[in-house]
Amino acid sequence: MIGKILCSCNQVGEGNIENLIGSGVKDLDEICEKSNAGLGCGSCRPEIQKILNDQLKNEQYEKVK
């Protein structure tokens, strides 16, 4: 687990999600499948989506700079 815990069902950290997104995974379902986050109760899926959206916005901002 990397970073603060995001998915307590499967012990996945926020850093694990950020690393997947950084490596090119840009789909919520694929992130969940590859990390095992959001596959238990699913209550962390909105937070995973928020992290994804934030990182995508940052990437768009960096491209514009």
PDB file of N, CA and C in Angstrom:
ATOM      1  N   MET A   1       0.848  -1.169   0.000  1.00  0.00           N
ATOM      2  CA  MET A   1       0.000   0.000   0.000  1.00  0.00           C
ATOM      3  C   MET A   1       0.896   1.236   0.000  1.00  0.00           C
ATOM      4  N   ILE A   2       0.575   2.169  -0.893  1.00  0.00           N
ATOM      5  CA  ILE A   2       1.328   3.407  -0.990  1.00  0.00           C
ATOM      6  C   ILE A   2       0.406   4.560  -0.619  1.00  0.00           C
ATOM      7  N   GLY A   3       0.829   5.376   0.348  1.00  0.00           N
ATOM      8  CA  GLY A   3       0.043   6.537   0.738  1.00  0.00           C
ATOM      9  C   GLY A   3      -1.090   6.179   1.677  1.00  0.00           C
ATOM     10  N   LYS A   4      -1.931   7.195   1.909  1.00  0.00           N
ATOM     11  CA  LYS A   4      -3.049   6.961   2.834  1.00  0.00           C
ATOM     12  C   LYS A   4      -4.026   5.964   2.228  1.00  0.00           C
ATOM     13  N   ILE A   5      -4.638   5.186   3.098  1.00  0.00           N
ATOM     14  CA  ILE A   5      -5.543   4.127   2.642  1.00  0.00           C
ATOM     15  C   ILE A   5      -6.771   4.732   1.970  1.00  0.00           C
ATOM     16  N   LEU A   6      -7.078   4.197   0.826  1.00  0.00           N
ATOM     17  CA  LEU A   6      -8.220   4.655   0.051  1.00  0.00           C
ATOM     18  C   LEU A   6      -9.302   3.580   0.037  1.00  0.00           C
ATOM     19  N   CYS A   7      -8.879   2.358  -0.108  1.00  0.00           N
ATOM     20  CA  CYS A   7      -9.803   1.223  -0.138  1.00  0.00           C
ATOM     21  C   CYS A   7      -9.484   0.317   1.044  1.00  0.00           C
ATOM     22  N   SER A   8     -10.323   0.365   2.056  1.00  0.00           N
ATOM     23  CA  SER A   8     -10.060  -0.458   3.236  1.00  0.00           C
ATOM     24  C   SER A   8     -10.437  -1.922   3.001  1.00  0.00           C
ATOM     25  N   CYS A   9     -11.311  -2.189   2.054  1.00  0.00           N
ATOM     26  CA  CYS A   9     -11.674  -3.577   1.754  1.00  0.00           C
ATOM     27  C   CYS A   9     -10.467  -4.365   1.250  1.00  0.00           C
ATOM     28  N   ASN A  10      -9.668  -3.738   0.381  1.00  0.00           N
ATOM     29  CA  ASN A  10      -8.551  -4.439  -0.252  1.00  0.00           C
ATOM     30  C   ASN A  10      -7.195  -3.804   0.037  1.00  0.00           C
ATOM     31  N   GLN A  11      -7.166  -2.902   1.025  1.00  0.00           N
ATOM     32  CA  GLN A  11      -5.903  -2.290   1.470  1.00  0.00           C
ATOM     33  C   GLN A  11      -5.122  -1.643   0.323  1.00  0.00           C
ATOM     34  N   VAL A  12      -5.784  -0.742  -0.395  1.00  0.00           N
ATOM     35  CA  VAL A  12      -5.153  -0.030  -1.504  1.00  0.00           C
ATOM     36  C   VAL A  12      -4.979   1.431  -1.099  1.00  0.00           C
ATOM     37  N   GLY A  13      -3.793   1.952  -1.335  1.00  0.00           N
ATOM     38  CA  GLY A  13      -3.491   3.325  -0.981  1.00  0.00           C
ATOM     39  C   GLY A  13      -3.706   4.296  -2.132  1.00  0.00           C
ATOM     40  N   GLU A  14      -3.830   5.559  -1.775  1.00  0.00           N
ATOM     41  CA  GLU A  14      -4.015   6.611  -2.764  1.00  0.00           C
ATOM     42  C   GLU A  14      -2.858   6.639  -3.769  1.00  0.00           C
ATOM     43  N   GLY A  15      -1.646   6.409  -3.284  1.00  0.00           N
ATOM     44  CA  GLY A  15      -0.478   6.398  -4.166  1.00  0.00           C
ATOM     45  C   GLY A  15      -0.522   5.294  -5.207  1.00  0.00           C
ATOM     46  N   ASN A  16      -1.117   4.164  -4.853  1.00  0.00           N
ATOM     47  CA  ASN A  16      -1.259   3.072  -5.822  1.00  0.00           C
ATOM     48  C   ASN A  16      -2.130   3.524  -6.998  1.00  0.00           C
ATOM     49  N   ILE A  17      -3.198   4.242  -6.683  1.00  0.00           N
ATOM     50  CA  ILE A  17      -4.113   4.731  -7.720  1.00  0.00           C
ATOM     51  C   ILE A  17      -3.403   5.781  -8.574  1.00  0.00           C
ATOM     52  N   GLU A  18      -2.709   6.708  -7.924  1.00  0.00           N
ATOM     53  CA  GLU A  18      -1.994   7.752  -8.649  1.00  0.00           C
ATOM     54  C   GLU A  18      -0.931   7.164  -9.567  1.00  0.00           C
ATOM     55  N   ASN A  19      -0.246   6.134  -9.120  1.00  0.00           N
ATOM     56  CA  ASN A  19       0.775   5.484  -9.944  1.00  0.00           C
ATOM     57  C   ASN A  19       0.162   4.826 -11.182  1.00  0.00           C
ATOM     58  N   LEU A  20      -0.986   4.180 -11.006  1.00  0.00           N
ATOM     59  CA  LEU A  20      -1.649   3.559 -12.161  1.00  0.00           C
ATOM     60  C   LEU A  20      -2.045   4.610 -13.190  1.00  0.00           C
ATOM     61  N   ILE A  21      -2.616   5.707 -12.708  1.00  0.00           N
ATOM     62  CA  ILE A  21      -3.031   6.779 -13.616  1.00  0.00           C
ATOM     63  C   ILE A  21      -1.804   7.349 -14.323  1.00  0.00           C
ATOM     64  N   GLY A  22      -0.735   7.550 -13.568  1.00  0.00           N
ATOM     65  CA  GLY A  22       0.501   8.067 -14.141  1.00  0.00           C
ATOM     66  C   GLY A  22       1.113   7.147 -15.179  1.00  0.00           C
ATOM     67  N   SER A  23       0.838   5.848 -15.053  1.00  0.00           N
ATOM     68  CA  SER A  23       1.379   4.889 -16.017  1.00  0.00           C
ATOM     69  C   SER A  23       0.500   4.749 -17.256  1.00  0.00           C
ATOM     70  N   GLY A  24      -0.607   5.504 -17.289  1.00  0.00           N
ATOM     71  CA  GLY A  24      -1.424   5.506 -18.502  1.00  0.00           C
ATOM     72  C   GLY A  24      -2.812   4.923 -18.375  1.00  0.00           C
ATOM     73  N   VAL A  25      -3.170   4.415 -17.213  1.00  0.00           N
ATOM     74  CA  VAL A  25      -4.517   3.856 -17.027  1.00  0.00           C
ATOM     75  C   VAL A  25      -5.468   5.019 -16.776  1.00  0.00           C
ATOM     76  N   LYS A  26      -6.428   5.222 -17.671  1.00  0.00           N
ATOM     77  CA  LYS A  26      -7.301   6.396 -17.605  1.00  0.00           C
ATOM     78  C   LYS A  26      -8.786   6.052 -17.475  1.00  0.00           C
ATOM     79  N   ASP A  27      -9.106   4.816 -17.153  1.00  0.00           N
ATOM     80  CA  ASP A  27     -10.496   4.365 -17.058  1.00  0.00           C
ATOM     81  C   ASP A  27     -10.761   3.853 -15.648  1.00  0.00           C
ATOM     82  N   LEU A  28     -11.844   4.316 -15.030  1.00  0.00           N
ATOM     83  CA  LEU A  28     -12.167   3.946 -13.657  1.00  0.00           C
ATOM     84  C   LEU A  28     -12.233   2.435 -13.468  1.00  0.00           C
ATOM     85  N   ASP A  29     -12.940   1.746 -14.334  1.00  0.00           N
ATOM     86  CA  ASP A  29     -13.078   0.292 -14.184  1.00  0.00           C
ATOM     87  C   ASP A  29     -11.728  -0.417 -14.306  1.00  0.00           C
ATOM     88  N   GLU A  30     -10.888   0.063 -15.205  1.00  0.00           N
ATOM     89  CA  GLU A  30      -9.570  -0.547 -15.380  1.00  0.00           C
ATOM     90  C   GLU A  30      -8.686  -0.278 -14.158  1.00  0.00           C
ATOM     91  N   ILE A  31      -8.784   0.932 -13.610  1.00  0.00           N
ATOM     92  CA  ILE A  31      -8.029   1.254 -12.391  1.00  0.00           C
ATOM     93  C   ILE A  31      -8.448   0.308 -11.268  1.00  0.00           C
ATOM     94  N   CYS A  32      -9.745   0.119 -11.108  1.00  0.00           N
ATOM     95  CA  CYS A  32     -10.258  -0.768 -10.059  1.00  0.00           C
ATOM     96  C   CYS A  32      -9.801  -2.199 -10.288  1.00  0.00           C
ATOM     97  N   GLU A  33      -9.869  -2.648 -11.521  1.00  0.00           N
ATOM     98  CA  GLU A  33      -9.463  -4.017 -11.850  1.00  0.00           C
ATOM     99  C   GLU A  33      -7.978  -4.247 -11.560  1.00  0.00           C
ATOM    100  N   LYS A  34      -7.140  -3.299 -11.955  1.00  0.00           N
ATOM    101  CA  LYS A  34      -5.691  -3.471 -11.800  1.00  0.00           C
ATOM    102  C   LYS A  34      -5.219  -3.271 -10.363  1.00  0.00           C
ATOM    103  N   SER A  35      -5.952  -2.463  -9.576  1.00  0.00           N
ATOM    104  CA  SER A  35      -5.518  -2.168  -8.211  1.00  0.00           C
ATOM    105  C   SER A  35      -6.270  -2.974  -7.156  1.00  0.00           C
ATOM    106  N   ASN A  36      -7.403  -3.534  -7.519  1.00  0.00           N
ATOM    107  CA  ASN A  36      -8.338  -4.202  -6.616  1.00  0.00           C
ATOM    108  C   ASN A  36      -9.117  -3.228  -5.740  1.00  0.00           C
ATOM    109  N   ALA A  37      -8.916  -1.936  -5.913  1.00  0.00           N
ATOM    110  CA  ALA A  37      -9.699  -0.937  -5.166  1.00  0.00           C
ATOM    111  C   ALA A  37     -11.092  -0.855  -5.778  1.00  0.00           C
ATOM    112  N   GLY A  38     -12.072  -0.643  -4.943  1.00  0.00           N
ATOM    113  CA  GLY A  38     -13.437  -0.485  -5.430  1.00  0.00           C
ATOM    114  C   GLY A  38     -14.124  -1.771  -5.805  1.00  0.00           C
ATOM    115  N   LEU A  39     -13.496  -2.903  -5.536  1.00  0.00           N
ATOM    116  CA  LEU A  39     -14.095  -4.183  -5.908  1.00  0.00           C
ATOM    117  C   LEU A  39     -14.789  -4.862  -4.733  1.00  0.00           C
ATOM    118  N   GLY A  40     -14.649  -4.284  -3.531  1.00  0.00           N
ATOM    119  CA  GLY A  40     -15.328  -4.832  -2.354  1.00  0.00           C
ATOM    120  C   GLY A  40     -16.690  -4.168  -2.248  1.00  0.00           C
ATOM    121  N   CYS A  41     -16.810  -3.257  -1.305  1.00  0.00           N
ATOM    122  CA  CYS A  41     -18.092  -2.581  -1.096  1.00  0.00           C
ATOM    123  C   CYS A  41     -18.336  -1.480  -2.121  1.00  0.00           C
ATOM    124  N   GLY A  42     -17.252  -0.957  -2.725  1.00  0.00           N
ATOM    125  CA  GLY A  42     -17.391   0.059  -3.766  1.00  0.00           C
ATOM    126  C   GLY A  42     -17.510   1.488  -3.264  1.00  0.00           C
ATOM    127  N   SER A  43     -17.464   1.689  -1.963  1.00  0.00           N
ATOM    128  CA  SER A  43     -17.652   3.044  -1.435  1.00  0.00           C
ATOM    129  C   SER A  43     -16.491   3.978  -1.778  1.00  0.00           C
ATOM    130  N   CYS A  44     -15.351   3.446  -2.179  1.00  0.00           N
ATOM    131  CA  CYS A  44     -14.194   4.278  -2.530  1.00  0.00           C
ATOM    132  C   CYS A  44     -14.194   4.688  -4.008  1.00  0.00           C
ATOM    133  N   ARG A  45     -15.072   4.133  -4.795  1.00  0.00           N
ATOM    134  CA  ARG A  45     -15.076   4.438  -6.232  1.00  0.00           C
ATOM    135  C   ARG A  45     -15.236   5.929  -6.534  1.00  0.00           C
ATOM    136  N   PRO A  46     -16.091   6.665  -5.820  1.00  0.00           N
ATOM    137  CA  PRO A  46     -16.169   8.119  -6.084  1.00  0.00           C
ATOM    138  C   PRO A  46     -14.837   8.829  -5.809  1.00  0.00           C
ATOM    139  N   GLU A  47     -14.122   8.410  -4.792  1.00  0.00           N
ATOM    140  CA  GLU A  47     -12.825   9.023  -4.483  1.00  0.00           C
ATOM    141  C   GLU A  47     -11.799   8.660  -5.561  1.00  0.00           C
ATOM    142  N   ILE A  48     -11.844   7.437  -6.058  1.00  0.00           N
ATOM    143  CA  ILE A  48     -10.952   7.038  -7.148  1.00  0.00           C
ATOM    144  C   ILE A  48     -11.252   7.881  -8.381  1.00  0.00           C
ATOM    145  N   GLN A  49     -12.525   8.076  -8.674  1.00  0.00           N
ATOM    146  CA  GLN A  49     -12.928   8.897  -9.826  1.00  0.00           C
ATOM    147  C   GLN A  49     -12.438  10.326  -9.659  1.00  0.00           C
ATOM    148  N   LYS A  50     -12.501  10.856  -8.446  1.00  0.00           N
ATOM    149  CA  LYS A  50     -12.032  12.220  -8.177  1.00  0.00           C
ATOM    150  C   LYS A  50     -10.527  12.329  -8.426  1.00  0.00           C
ATOM    151  N   ILE A  51      -9.767  11.350  -7.946  1.00  0.00           N
ATOM    152  CA  ILE A  51      -8.316  11.351  -8.175  1.00  0.00           C
ATOM    153  C   ILE A  51      -8.028  11.299  -9.672  1.00  0.00           C
ATOM    154  N   LEU A  52      -8.751  10.450 -10.387  1.00  0.00           N
ATOM    155  CA  LEU A  52      -8.586  10.339 -11.834  1.00  0.00           C
ATOM    156  C   LEU A  52      -8.885  11.680 -12.507  1.00  0.00           C
ATOM    157  N   ASN A  53     -10.018  12.278 -12.172  1.00  0.00           N
ATOM    158  CA  ASN A  53     -10.405  13.556 -12.777  1.00  0.00           C
ATOM    159  C   ASN A  53      -9.369  14.636 -12.483  1.00  0.00           C
ATOM    160  N   ASP A  54      -8.893  14.696 -11.245  1.00  0.00           N
ATOM    161  CA  ASP A  54      -7.901  15.706 -10.867  1.00  0.00           C
ATOM    162  C   ASP A  54      -6.606  15.524 -11.653  1.00  0.00           C
ATOM    163  N   GLN A  55      -6.155  14.284 -11.787  1.00  0.00           N
ATOM    164  CA  GLN A  55      -4.911  14.048 -12.527  1.00  0.00           C
ATOM    165  C   GLN A  55      -5.081  14.346 -14.010  1.00  0.00           C
ATOM    166  N   LEU A  56      -6.244  14.028 -14.569  1.00  0.00           N
ATOM    167  CA  LEU A  56      -6.488  14.341 -15.977  1.00  0.00           C
ATOM    168  C   LEU A  56      -6.521  15.848 -16.197  1.00  0.00           C
ATOM    169  N   LYS A  57      -7.131  16.590 -15.271  1.00  0.00           N
ATOM    170  CA  LYS A  57      -7.142  18.056 -15.364  1.00  0.00           C
ATOM    171  C   LYS A  57      -5.725  18.594 -15.295  1.00  0.00           C
ATOM    172  N   ASN A  58      -4.906  18.059 -14.387  1.00  0.00           N
ATOM    173  CA  ASN A  58      -3.523  18.503 -14.273  1.00  0.00           C
ATOM    174  C   ASN A  58      -2.743  18.238 -15.550  1.00  0.00           C
ATOM    175  N   GLU A  59      -2.989  17.094 -16.175  1.00  0.00           N
ATOM    176  CA  GLU A  59      -2.309  16.770 -17.436  1.00  0.00           C
ATOM    177  C   GLU A  59      -2.710  17.754 -18.525  1.00  0.00           C
ATOM    178  N   GLN A  60      -3.993  18.088 -18.584  1.00  0.00           N
ATOM    179  CA  GLN A  60      -4.470  19.052 -19.579  1.00  0.00           C
ATOM    180  C   GLN A  60      -3.849  20.421 -19.338  1.00  0.00           C
ATOM    181  N   TYR A  61      -3.749  20.814 -18.071  1.00  0.00           N
ATOM    182  CA  TYR A  61      -3.160  22.101 -17.707  1.00  0.00           C
ATOM    183  C   TYR A  61      -1.688  22.142 -18.113  1.00  0.00           C
ATOM    184  N   GLU A  62      -0.976  21.055 -17.871  1.00  0.00           N
ATOM    185  CA  GLU A  62       0.442  20.998 -18.234  1.00  0.00           C
ATOM    186  C   GLU A  62       0.649  21.087 -19.738  1.00  0.00           C
ATOM    187  N   LYS A  63      -0.260  20.513 -20.508  1.00  0.00           N
ATOM    188  CA  LYS A  63      -0.154  20.566 -21.972  1.00  0.00           C
ATOM    189  C   LYS A  63      -0.350  21.994 -22.488  1.00  0.00           C
ATOM    190  N   VAL A  64      -1.199  22.748 -21.806  1.00  0.00           N
ATOM    191  CA  VAL A  64      -1.517  24.117 -22.232  1.00  0.00           C
ATOM    192  C   VAL A  64      -0.366  25.059 -21.905  1.00  0.00           C
ATOM    193  N   LYS A  65       0.365  24.779 -20.840  1.00  0.00           N
ATOM    194  CA  LYS A  65       1.458  25.662 -20.399  1.00  0.00           C
ATOM    195  C   LYS A  65       2.526  25.851 -21.413  1.00  0.00           C
TER     196      LYS A  65
END
